[in-house]
Amino acid sequence: MTDQQKSEDLNYKIEIPNSIFDMKLSPSQFTLYSHIKRIAGDAGECIVSSSCLAKNSNMSIDTVKRQKKVLVERKLIKTIIRKNPDKFFQTTIIQILDC
């Protein structure tokens, strides 16, 4: 990460809807949601692997996968799986849903 990227990252802020606090999320669910929201930015969607989310959220990959399922079930995020024509590679797009 360059100094300019670090500076831009410090200036960016995310908004967490108040309703998130009423949902009684576990600490790992809240952390994961917040991190996805941070990555998604104003676009509201991102492409990021579970291993990258795990590393940057200080969680195991299994925990990220479990908590991501919970966030989908609670309609906080939506995942869209795109398969490449070669069928060897797939991309998961994560969308933040409005509460």
PDB file of N, CA and C in Angstrom:
ATOM      1  N   MET A   1       0.843  -1.173   0.000  1.00  0.00           N
ATOM      2  CA  MET A   1       0.000   0.000   0.000  1.00  0.00           C
ATOM      3  C   MET A   1       0.891   1.240   0.000  1.00  0.00           C
ATOM      4  N   THR A   2       0.616   2.151  -0.908  1.00  0.00           N
ATOM      5  CA  THR A   2       1.419   3.365  -1.010  1.00  0.00           C
ATOM      6  C   THR A   2       0.975   4.375   0.053  1.00  0.00           C
ATOM      7  N   ASP A   3       1.794   5.399   0.248  1.00  0.00           N
ATOM      8  CA  ASP A   3       1.445   6.452   1.203  1.00  0.00           C
ATOM      9  C   ASP A   3       0.152   7.154   0.791  1.00  0.00           C
ATOM     10  N   GLN A   4      -0.047   7.330  -0.522  1.00  0.00           N
ATOM     11  CA  GLN A   4      -1.256   7.982  -1.000  1.00  0.00           C
ATOM     12  C   GLN A   4      -2.480   7.115  -0.689  1.00  0.00           C
ATOM     13  N   GLN A   5      -2.373   5.796  -0.891  1.00  0.00           N
ATOM     14  CA  GLN A   5      -3.487   4.903  -0.579  1.00  0.00           C
ATOM     15  C   GLN A   5      -3.792   4.922   0.907  1.00  0.00           C
ATOM     16  N   LYS A   6      -2.740   4.944   1.743  1.00  0.00           N
ATOM     17  CA  LYS A   6      -2.952   5.006   3.181  1.00  0.00           C
ATOM     18  C   LYS A   6      -3.668   6.297   3.559  1.00  0.00           C
ATOM     19  N   SER A   7      -3.262   7.404   2.957  1.00  0.00           N
ATOM     20  CA  SER A   7      -3.872   8.691   3.240  1.00  0.00           C
ATOM     21  C   SER A   7      -5.338   8.694   2.805  1.00  0.00           C
ATOM     22  N   GLU A   8      -5.609   8.154   1.612  1.00  0.00           N
ATOM     23  CA  GLU A   8      -6.987   8.097   1.129  1.00  0.00           C
ATOM     24  C   GLU A   8      -7.827   7.199   2.028  1.00  0.00           C
ATOM     25  N   ASP A   9      -7.249   6.088   2.484  1.00  0.00           N
ATOM     26  CA  ASP A   9      -7.958   5.165   3.359  1.00  0.00           C
ATOM     27  C   ASP A   9      -8.313   5.842   4.678  1.00  0.00           C
ATOM     28  N   LEU A  10      -7.437   6.675   5.202  1.00  0.00           N
ATOM     29  CA  LEU A  10      -7.707   7.380   6.460  1.00  0.00           C
ATOM     30  C   LEU A  10      -8.826   8.396   6.303  1.00  0.00           C
ATOM     31  N   ASN A  11      -9.000   8.928   5.106  1.00  0.00           N
ATOM     32  CA  ASN A  11     -10.015   9.938   4.874  1.00  0.00           C
ATOM     33  C   ASN A  11     -11.384   9.346   4.568  1.00  0.00           C
ATOM     34  N   TYR A  12     -11.438   8.056   4.232  1.00  0.00           N
ATOM     35  CA  TYR A  12     -12.702   7.426   3.888  1.00  0.00           C
ATOM     36  C   TYR A  12     -13.404   6.962   5.154  1.00  0.00           C
ATOM     37  N   LYS A  13     -14.686   7.176   5.213  1.00  0.00           N
ATOM     38  CA  LYS A  13     -15.488   6.756   6.361  1.00  0.00           C
ATOM     39  C   LYS A  13     -16.656   5.920   5.864  1.00  0.00           C
ATOM     40  N   ILE A  14     -17.056   4.962   6.676  1.00  0.00           N
ATOM     41  CA  ILE A  14     -18.240   4.187   6.326  1.00  0.00           C
ATOM     42  C   ILE A  14     -19.384   4.596   7.241  1.00  0.00           C
ATOM     43  N   GLU A  15     -20.576   4.426   6.737  1.00  0.00           N
ATOM     44  CA  GLU A  15     -21.764   4.682   7.541  1.00  0.00           C
ATOM     45  C   GLU A  15     -22.416   3.348   7.838  1.00  0.00           C
ATOM     46  N   ILE A  16     -22.648   3.091   9.099  1.00  0.00           N
ATOM     47  CA  ILE A  16     -23.321   1.880   9.524  1.00  0.00           C
ATOM     48  C   ILE A  16     -24.756   2.265   9.905  1.00  0.00           C
ATOM     49  N   PRO A  17     -25.742   1.632   9.278  1.00  0.00           N
ATOM     50  CA  PRO A  17     -27.126   1.967   9.634  1.00  0.00           C
ATOM     51  C   PRO A  17     -27.409   1.679  11.112  1.00  0.00           C
ATOM     52  N   ASN A  18     -28.198   2.527  11.742  1.00  0.00           N
ATOM     53  CA  ASN A  18     -28.532   2.331  13.152  1.00  0.00           C
ATOM     54  C   ASN A  18     -29.213   0.991  13.388  1.00  0.00           C
ATOM     55  N   SER A  19     -29.952   0.510  12.413  1.00  0.00           N
ATOM     56  CA  SER A  19     -30.674  -0.758  12.569  1.00  0.00           C
ATOM     57  C   SER A  19     -29.734  -1.935  12.799  1.00  0.00           C
ATOM     58  N   ILE A  20     -28.483  -1.814  12.364  1.00  0.00           N
ATOM     59  CA  ILE A  20     -27.502  -2.884  12.579  1.00  0.00           C
ATOM     60  C   ILE A  20     -27.328  -3.131  14.084  1.00  0.00           C
ATOM     61  N   PHE A  21     -27.333  -2.085  14.863  1.00  0.00           N
ATOM     62  CA  PHE A  21     -27.142  -2.221  16.305  1.00  0.00           C
ATOM     63  C   PHE A  21     -28.343  -2.874  16.979  1.00  0.00           C
ATOM     64  N   ASP A  22     -29.513  -2.757  16.369  1.00  0.00           N
ATOM     65  CA  ASP A  22     -30.711  -3.382  16.913  1.00  0.00           C
ATOM     66  C   ASP A  22     -30.803  -4.866  16.553  1.00  0.00           C
ATOM     67  N   MET A  23     -29.972  -5.313  15.644  1.00  0.00           N
ATOM     68  CA  MET A  23     -30.036  -6.700  15.166  1.00  0.00           C
ATOM     69  C   MET A  23     -29.291  -7.670  16.076  1.00  0.00           C
ATOM     70  N   LYS A  24     -28.595  -7.167  17.061  1.00  0.00           N
ATOM     71  CA  LYS A  24     -27.871  -8.004  18.017  1.00  0.00           C
ATOM     72  C   LYS A  24     -26.911  -8.972  17.311  1.00  0.00           C
ATOM     73  N   LEU A  25     -26.100  -8.433  16.419  1.00  0.00           N
ATOM     74  CA  LEU A  25     -25.093  -9.249  15.740  1.00  0.00           C
ATOM     75  C   LEU A  25     -24.006  -9.654  16.729  1.00  0.00           C
ATOM     76  N   SER A  26     -23.410 -10.799  16.485  1.00  0.00           N
ATOM     77  CA  SER A  26     -22.265 -11.212  17.301  1.00  0.00           C
ATOM     78  C   SER A  26     -21.089 -10.310  16.936  1.00  0.00           C
ATOM     79  N   PRO A  27     -20.068 -10.256  17.776  1.00  0.00           N
ATOM     80  CA  PRO A  27     -18.898  -9.431  17.438  1.00  0.00           C
ATOM     81  C   PRO A  27     -18.272  -9.815  16.091  1.00  0.00           C
ATOM     82  N   SER A  28     -18.203 -11.102  15.781  1.00  0.00           N
ATOM     83  CA  SER A  28     -17.601 -11.506  14.496  1.00  0.00           C
ATOM     84  C   SER A  28     -18.498 -11.131  13.323  1.00  0.00           C
ATOM     85  N   GLN A  29     -19.818 -11.208  13.492  1.00  0.00           N
ATOM     86  CA  GLN A  29     -20.734 -10.795  12.422  1.00  0.00           C
ATOM     87  C   GLN A  29     -20.633  -9.294  12.174  1.00  0.00           C
ATOM     88  N   PHE A  30     -20.586  -8.521  13.255  1.00  0.00           N
ATOM     89  CA  PHE A  30     -20.471  -7.070  13.117  1.00  0.00           C
ATOM     90  C   PHE A  30     -19.141  -6.685  12.466  1.00  0.00           C
ATOM     91  N   THR A  31     -18.062  -7.329  12.888  1.00  0.00           N
ATOM     92  CA  THR A  31     -16.743  -7.047  12.315  1.00  0.00           C
ATOM     93  C   THR A  31     -16.728  -7.370  10.836  1.00  0.00           C
ATOM     94  N   LEU A  32     -17.255  -8.529  10.468  1.00  0.00           N
ATOM     95  CA  LEU A  32     -17.267  -8.934   9.062  1.00  0.00           C
ATOM     96  C   LEU A  32     -18.131  -7.987   8.237  1.00  0.00           C
ATOM     97  N   TYR A  33     -19.328  -7.654   8.733  1.00  0.00           N
ATOM     98  CA  TYR A  33     -20.201  -6.725   8.021  1.00  0.00           C
ATOM     99  C   TYR A  33     -19.494  -5.380   7.817  1.00  0.00           C
ATOM    100  N   SER A  34     -18.885  -4.878   8.864  1.00  0.00           N
ATOM    101  CA  SER A  34     -18.206  -3.580   8.779  1.00  0.00           C
ATOM    102  C   SER A  34     -17.058  -3.621   7.787  1.00  0.00           C
ATOM    103  N   HIS A  35     -16.319  -4.722   7.793  1.00  0.00           N
ATOM    104  CA  HIS A  35     -15.185  -4.826   6.870  1.00  0.00           C
ATOM    105  C   HIS A  35     -15.671  -4.917   5.425  1.00  0.00           C
ATOM    106  N   ILE A  36     -16.716  -5.687   5.184  1.00  0.00           N
ATOM    107  CA  ILE A  36     -17.277  -5.776   3.825  1.00  0.00           C
ATOM    108  C   ILE A  36     -17.794  -4.410   3.399  1.00  0.00           C
ATOM    109  N   LYS A  37     -18.469  -3.726   4.301  1.00  0.00           N
ATOM    110  CA  LYS A  37     -18.984  -2.376   4.003  1.00  0.00           C
ATOM    111  C   LYS A  37     -17.834  -1.434   3.646  1.00  0.00           C
ATOM    112  N   ARG A  38     -16.737  -1.557   4.358  1.00  0.00           N
ATOM    113  CA  ARG A  38     -15.555  -0.725   4.092  1.00  0.00           C
ATOM    114  C   ARG A  38     -14.998  -1.001   2.699  1.00  0.00           C
ATOM    115  N   ILE A  39     -14.875  -2.270   2.358  1.00  0.00           N
ATOM    116  CA  ILE A  39     -14.332  -2.633   1.048  1.00  0.00           C
ATOM    117  C   ILE A  39     -15.296  -2.245  -0.070  1.00  0.00           C
ATOM    118  N   ALA A  40     -16.584  -2.449   0.155  1.00  0.00           N
ATOM    119  CA  ALA A  40     -17.589  -2.165  -0.876  1.00  0.00           C
ATOM    120  C   ALA A  40     -17.662  -0.674  -1.200  1.00  0.00           C
ATOM    121  N   GLY A  41     -17.401   0.155  -0.206  1.00  0.00           N
ATOM    122  CA  GLY A  41     -17.416   1.597  -0.447  1.00  0.00           C
ATOM    123  C   GLY A  41     -18.752   2.101  -0.948  1.00  0.00           C
ATOM    124  N   ASP A  42     -18.713   3.191  -1.688  1.00  0.00           N
ATOM    125  CA  ASP A  42     -19.932   3.811  -2.193  1.00  0.00           C
ATOM    126  C   ASP A  42     -20.631   2.949  -3.237  1.00  0.00           C
ATOM    127  N   ALA A  43     -19.886   2.073  -3.893  1.00  0.00           N
ATOM    128  CA  ALA A  43     -20.466   1.213  -4.922  1.00  0.00           C
ATOM    129  C   ALA A  43     -21.423   0.189  -4.314  1.00  0.00           C
ATOM    130  N   GLY A  44     -21.184  -0.173  -3.059  1.00  0.00           N
ATOM    131  CA  GLY A  44     -22.066  -1.107  -2.391  1.00  0.00           C
ATOM    132  C   GLY A  44     -21.810  -2.569  -2.726  1.00  0.00           C
ATOM    133  N   GLU A  45     -20.744  -2.835  -3.463  1.00  0.00           N
ATOM    134  CA  GLU A  45     -20.397  -4.218  -3.757  1.00  0.00           C
ATOM    135  C   GLU A  45     -18.897  -4.368  -3.927  1.00  0.00           C
ATOM    136  N   CYS A  46     -18.437  -5.590  -3.706  1.00  0.00           N
ATOM    137  CA  CYS A  46     -17.007  -5.840  -3.819  1.00  0.00           C
ATOM    138  C   CYS A  46     -16.769  -7.295  -4.211  1.00  0.00           C
ATOM    139  N   ILE A  47     -15.580  -7.544  -4.681  1.00  0.00           N
ATOM    140  CA  ILE A  47     -15.123  -8.895  -4.970  1.00  0.00           C
ATOM    141  C   ILE A  47     -13.938  -9.134  -4.054  1.00  0.00           C
ATOM    142  N   VAL A  48     -14.118 -10.039  -3.099  1.00  0.00           N
ATOM    143  CA  VAL A  48     -13.063 -10.305  -2.127  1.00  0.00           C
ATOM    144  C   VAL A  48     -13.190 -11.757  -1.679  1.00  0.00           C
ATOM    145  N   SER A  49     -12.070 -12.412  -1.524  1.00  0.00           N
ATOM    146  CA  SER A  49     -12.078 -13.821  -1.128  1.00  0.00           C
ATOM    147  C   SER A  49     -12.294 -13.969   0.375  1.00  0.00           C
ATOM    148  N   SER A  50     -12.750 -15.137   0.766  1.00  0.00           N
ATOM    149  CA  SER A  50     -12.921 -15.423   2.194  1.00  0.00           C
ATOM    150  C   SER A  50     -11.584 -15.382   2.918  1.00  0.00           C
ATOM    151  N   SER A  51     -10.533 -15.825   2.244  1.00  0.00           N
ATOM    152  CA  SER A  51      -9.212 -15.807   2.892  1.00  0.00           C
ATOM    153  C   SER A  51      -8.738 -14.371   3.129  1.00  0.00           C
ATOM    154  N   CYS A  52      -9.018 -13.484   2.201  1.00  0.00           N
ATOM    155  CA  CYS A  52      -8.647 -12.073   2.377  1.00  0.00           C
ATOM    156  C   CYS A  52      -9.488 -11.444   3.497  1.00  0.00           C
ATOM    157  N   LEU A  53     -10.785 -11.747   3.516  1.00  0.00           N
ATOM    158  CA  LEU A  53     -11.636 -11.241   4.593  1.00  0.00           C
ATOM    159  C   LEU A  53     -11.153 -11.753   5.945  1.00  0.00           C
ATOM    160  N   ALA A  54     -10.770 -13.025   5.982  1.00  0.00           N
ATOM    161  CA  ALA A  54     -10.291 -13.624   7.231  1.00  0.00           C
ATOM    162  C   ALA A  54      -9.031 -12.927   7.722  1.00  0.00           C
ATOM    163  N   LYS A  55      -8.101 -12.734   6.820  1.00  0.00           N
ATOM    164  CA  LYS A  55      -6.837 -12.097   7.189  1.00  0.00           C
ATOM    165  C   LYS A  55      -7.064 -10.676   7.710  1.00  0.00           C
ATOM    166  N   ASN A  56      -7.868  -9.911   6.989  1.00  0.00           N
ATOM    167  CA  ASN A  56      -8.067  -8.504   7.346  1.00  0.00           C
ATOM    168  C   ASN A  56      -9.050  -8.297   8.496  1.00  0.00           C
ATOM    169  N   SER A  57      -9.834  -9.313   8.813  1.00  0.00           N
ATOM    170  CA  SER A  57     -10.772  -9.217   9.933  1.00  0.00           C
ATOM    171  C   SER A  57     -10.283  -9.967  11.163  1.00  0.00           C
ATOM    172  N   ASN A  58      -9.100 -10.569  11.041  1.00  0.00           N
ATOM    173  CA  ASN A  58      -8.501 -11.325  12.146  1.00  0.00           C
ATOM    174  C   ASN A  58      -9.390 -12.491  12.591  1.00  0.00           C
ATOM    175  N   MET A  59      -9.899 -13.244  11.600  1.00  0.00           N
ATOM    176  CA  MET A  59     -10.742 -14.409  11.851  1.00  0.00           C
ATOM    177  C   MET A  59     -10.221 -15.570  11.017  1.00  0.00           C
ATOM    178  N   SER A  60     -10.665 -16.763  11.360  1.00  0.00           N
ATOM    179  CA  SER A  60     -10.322 -17.918  10.534  1.00  0.00           C
ATOM    180  C   SER A  60     -11.208 -17.914   9.286  1.00  0.00           C
ATOM    181  N   ILE A  61     -10.772 -18.617   8.274  1.00  0.00           N
ATOM    182  CA  ILE A  61     -11.561 -18.709   7.041  1.00  0.00           C
ATOM    183  C   ILE A  61     -12.902 -19.379   7.328  1.00  0.00           C
ATOM    184  N   ASP A  62     -12.905 -20.417   8.154  1.00  0.00           N
ATOM    185  CA  ASP A  62     -14.161 -21.097   8.498  1.00  0.00           C
ATOM    186  C   ASP A  62     -15.137 -20.155   9.191  1.00  0.00           C
ATOM    187  N   THR A  63     -14.628 -19.324  10.091  1.00  0.00           N
ATOM    188  CA  THR A  63     -15.491 -18.354  10.780  1.00  0.00           C
ATOM    189  C   THR A  63     -16.068 -17.362   9.784  1.00  0.00           C
ATOM    190  N   VAL A  64     -15.254 -16.882   8.868  1.00  0.00           N
ATOM    191  CA  VAL A  64     -15.737 -15.941   7.845  1.00  0.00           C
ATOM    192  C   VAL A  64     -16.842 -16.589   7.021  1.00  0.00           C
ATOM    193  N   LYS A  65     -16.639 -17.806   6.591  1.00  0.00           N
ATOM    194  CA  LYS A  65     -17.653 -18.495   5.774  1.00  0.00           C
ATOM    195  C   LYS A  65     -18.953 -18.676   6.550  1.00  0.00           C
ATOM    196  N   ARG A  66     -18.854 -19.082   7.815  1.00  0.00           N
ATOM    197  CA  ARG A  66     -20.063 -19.253   8.639  1.00  0.00           C
ATOM    198  C   ARG A  66     -20.791 -17.931   8.844  1.00  0.00           C
ATOM    199  N   GLN A  67     -20.031 -16.892   9.188  1.00  0.00           N
ATOM    200  CA  GLN A  67     -20.651 -15.599   9.480  1.00  0.00           C
ATOM    201  C   GLN A  67     -21.194 -14.934   8.217  1.00  0.00           C
ATOM    202  N   LYS A  68     -20.542 -15.188   7.097  1.00  0.00           N
ATOM    203  CA  LYS A  68     -21.048 -14.653   5.828  1.00  0.00           C
ATOM    204  C   LYS A  68     -22.424 -15.262   5.522  1.00  0.00           C
ATOM    205  N   LYS A  69     -22.588 -16.551   5.803  1.00  0.00           N
ATOM    206  CA  LYS A  69     -23.890 -17.211   5.612  1.00  0.00           C
ATOM    207  C   LYS A  69     -24.956 -16.570   6.496  1.00  0.00           C
ATOM    208  N   VAL A  70     -24.580 -16.253   7.739  1.00  0.00           N
ATOM    209  CA  VAL A  70     -25.527 -15.611   8.659  1.00  0.00           C
ATOM    210  C   VAL A  70     -25.921 -14.235   8.131  1.00  0.00           C
ATOM    211  N   LEU A  71     -24.954 -13.471   7.638  1.00  0.00           N
ATOM    212  CA  LEU A  71     -25.251 -12.133   7.096  1.00  0.00           C
ATOM    213  C   LEU A  71     -26.167 -12.226   5.880  1.00  0.00           C
ATOM    214  N   VAL A  72     -26.003 -13.276   5.076  1.00  0.00           N
ATOM    215  CA  VAL A  72     -26.901 -13.501   3.936  1.00  0.00           C
ATOM    216  C   VAL A  72     -28.301 -13.835   4.455  1.00  0.00           C
ATOM    217  N   GLU A  73     -28.387 -14.752   5.418  1.00  0.00           N
ATOM    218  CA  GLU A  73     -29.680 -15.147   5.980  1.00  0.00           C
ATOM    219  C   GLU A  73     -30.409 -13.962   6.610  1.00  0.00           C
ATOM    220  N   ARG A  74     -29.659 -13.065   7.204  1.00  0.00           N
ATOM    221  CA  ARG A  74     -30.270 -11.895   7.854  1.00  0.00           C
ATOM    222  C   ARG A  74     -30.478 -10.741   6.875  1.00  0.00           C
ATOM    223  N   LYS A  75     -30.205 -11.007   5.607  1.00  0.00           N
ATOM    224  CA  LYS A  75     -30.436 -10.055   4.506  1.00  0.00           C
ATOM    225  C   LYS A  75     -29.633  -8.756   4.648  1.00  0.00           C
ATOM    226  N   LEU A  76     -28.402  -8.905   5.160  1.00  0.00           N
ATOM    227  CA  LEU A  76     -27.499  -7.761   5.242  1.00  0.00           C
ATOM    228  C   LEU A  76     -26.580  -7.709   4.034  1.00  0.00           C
ATOM    229  N   ILE A  77     -26.272  -8.877   3.482  1.00  0.00           N
ATOM    230  CA  ILE A  77     -25.462  -8.945   2.267  1.00  0.00           C
ATOM    231  C   ILE A  77     -26.089  -9.965   1.320  1.00  0.00           C
ATOM    232  N   LYS A  78     -25.688  -9.858   0.074  1.00  0.00           N
ATOM    233  CA  LYS A  78     -26.100 -10.818  -0.952  1.00  0.00           C
ATOM    234  C   LYS A  78     -24.832 -11.262  -1.666  1.00  0.00           C
ATOM    235  N   THR A  79     -24.713 -12.551  -1.929  1.00  0.00           N
ATOM    236  CA  THR A  79     -23.549 -13.038  -2.667  1.00  0.00           C
ATOM    237  C   THR A  79     -24.009 -13.530  -4.034  1.00  0.00           C
ATOM    238  N   ILE A  80     -23.254 -13.179  -5.040  1.00  0.00           N
ATOM    239  CA  ILE A  80     -23.526 -13.596  -6.418  1.00  0.00           C
ATOM    240  C   ILE A  80     -22.285 -14.313  -6.919  1.00  0.00           C
ATOM    241  N   ILE A  81     -22.446 -15.556  -7.307  1.00  0.00           N
ATOM    242  CA  ILE A  81     -21.307 -16.335  -7.793  1.00  0.00           C
ATOM    243  C   ILE A  81     -21.296 -16.287  -9.317  1.00  0.00           C
ATOM    244  N   ARG A  82     -20.171 -15.828  -9.847  1.00  0.00           N
ATOM    245  CA  ARG A  82     -19.972 -15.786 -11.307  1.00  0.00           C
ATOM    246  C   ARG A  82     -18.933 -16.827 -11.660  1.00  0.00           C
ATOM    247  N   LYS A  83     -19.294 -17.714 -12.569  1.00  0.00           N
ATOM    248  CA  LYS A  83     -18.341 -18.724 -13.014  1.00  0.00           C
ATOM    249  C   LYS A  83     -17.753 -18.300 -14.350  1.00  0.00           C
ATOM    250  N   ASN A  84     -16.454 -18.489 -14.478  1.00  0.00           N
ATOM    251  CA  ASN A  84     -15.793 -18.237 -15.743  1.00  0.00           C
ATOM    252  C   ASN A  84     -16.132 -19.368 -16.705  1.00  0.00           C
ATOM    253  N   PRO A  85     -16.068 -19.098 -17.990  1.00  0.00           N
ATOM    254  CA  PRO A  85     -16.384 -20.134 -18.973  1.00  0.00           C
ATOM    255  C   PRO A  85     -15.509 -21.390 -18.843  1.00  0.00           C
ATOM    256  N   ASP A  86     -14.296 -21.240 -18.340  1.00  0.00           N
ATOM    257  CA  ASP A  86     -13.412 -22.407 -18.222  1.00  0.00           C
ATOM    258  C   ASP A  86     -13.798 -23.313 -17.052  1.00  0.00           C
ATOM    259  N   LYS A  87     -14.745 -22.859 -16.218  1.00  0.00           N
ATOM    260  CA  LYS A  87     -15.280 -23.616 -15.083  1.00  0.00           C
ATOM    261  C   LYS A  87     -14.248 -23.960 -14.007  1.00  0.00           C
ATOM    262  N   PHE A  88     -13.048 -23.419 -14.112  1.00  0.00           N
ATOM    263  CA  PHE A  88     -12.031 -23.666 -13.108  1.00  0.00           C
ATOM    264  C   PHE A  88     -11.937 -22.536 -12.095  1.00  0.00           C
ATOM    265  N   PHE A  89     -12.560 -21.434 -12.399  1.00  0.00           N
ATOM    266  CA  PHE A  89     -12.413 -20.249 -11.564  1.00  0.00           C
ATOM    267  C   PHE A  89     -13.770 -19.603 -11.392  1.00  0.00           C
ATOM    268  N   GLN A  90     -14.091 -19.218 -10.194  1.00  0.00           N
ATOM    269  CA  GLN A  90     -15.330 -18.486  -9.967  1.00  0.00           C
ATOM    270  C   GLN A  90     -15.062 -17.267  -9.110  1.00  0.00           C
ATOM    271  N   THR A  91     -15.883 -16.280  -9.268  1.00  0.00           N
ATOM    272  CA  THR A  91     -15.758 -15.035  -8.533  1.00  0.00           C
ATOM    273  C   THR A  91     -17.035 -14.832  -7.727  1.00  0.00           C
ATOM    274  N   THR A  92     -16.889 -14.432  -6.483  1.00  0.00           N
ATOM    275  CA  THR A  92     -18.052 -14.125  -5.668  1.00  0.00           C
ATOM    276  C   THR A  92     -18.123 -12.621  -5.459  1.00  0.00           C
ATOM    277  N   ILE A  93     -19.236 -12.052  -5.882  1.00  0.00           N
ATOM    278  CA  ILE A  93     -19.487 -10.632  -5.676  1.00  0.00           C
ATOM    279  C   ILE A  93     -20.340 -10.518  -4.406  1.00  0.00           C
ATOM    280  N   ILE A  94     -19.936  -9.646  -3.512  1.00  0.00           N
ATOM    281  CA  ILE A  94     -20.701  -9.417  -2.283  1.00  0.00           C
ATOM    282  C   ILE A  94     -21.348  -8.042  -2.379  1.00  0.00           C
ATOM    283  N   GLN A  95     -22.656  -8.011  -2.234  1.00  0.00           N
ATOM    284  CA  GLN A  95     -23.395  -6.749  -2.260  1.00  0.00           C
ATOM    285  C   GLN A  95     -23.913  -6.445  -0.858  1.00  0.00           C
ATOM    286  N   ILE A  96     -23.796  -5.198  -0.460  1.00  0.00           N
ATOM    287  CA  ILE A  96     -24.387  -4.729   0.801  1.00  0.00           C
ATOM    288  C   ILE A  96     -25.836  -4.406   0.520  1.00  0.00           C
ATOM    289  N   LEU A  97     -26.735  -4.926   1.343  1.00  0.00           N
ATOM    290  CA  LEU A  97     -28.164  -4.632   1.186  1.00  0.00           C
ATOM    291  C   LEU A  97     -28.563  -3.579   2.197  1.00  0.00           C
ATOM    292  N   ASP A  98     -29.447  -2.682   1.796  1.00  0.00           N
ATOM    293  CA  ASP A  98     -29.934  -1.649   2.723  1.00  0.00           C
ATOM    294  C   ASP A  98     -30.797  -2.298   3.776  1.00  0.00           C
ATOM    295  N   CYS A  99     -30.640  -1.841   4.987  1.00  0.00           N
ATOM    296  CA  CYS A  99     -31.422  -2.393   6.113  1.00  0.00           C
ATOM    297  C   CYS A  99     -32.758  -1.706   6.209  1.00  0.00           C
TER     298      CYS A  99
END
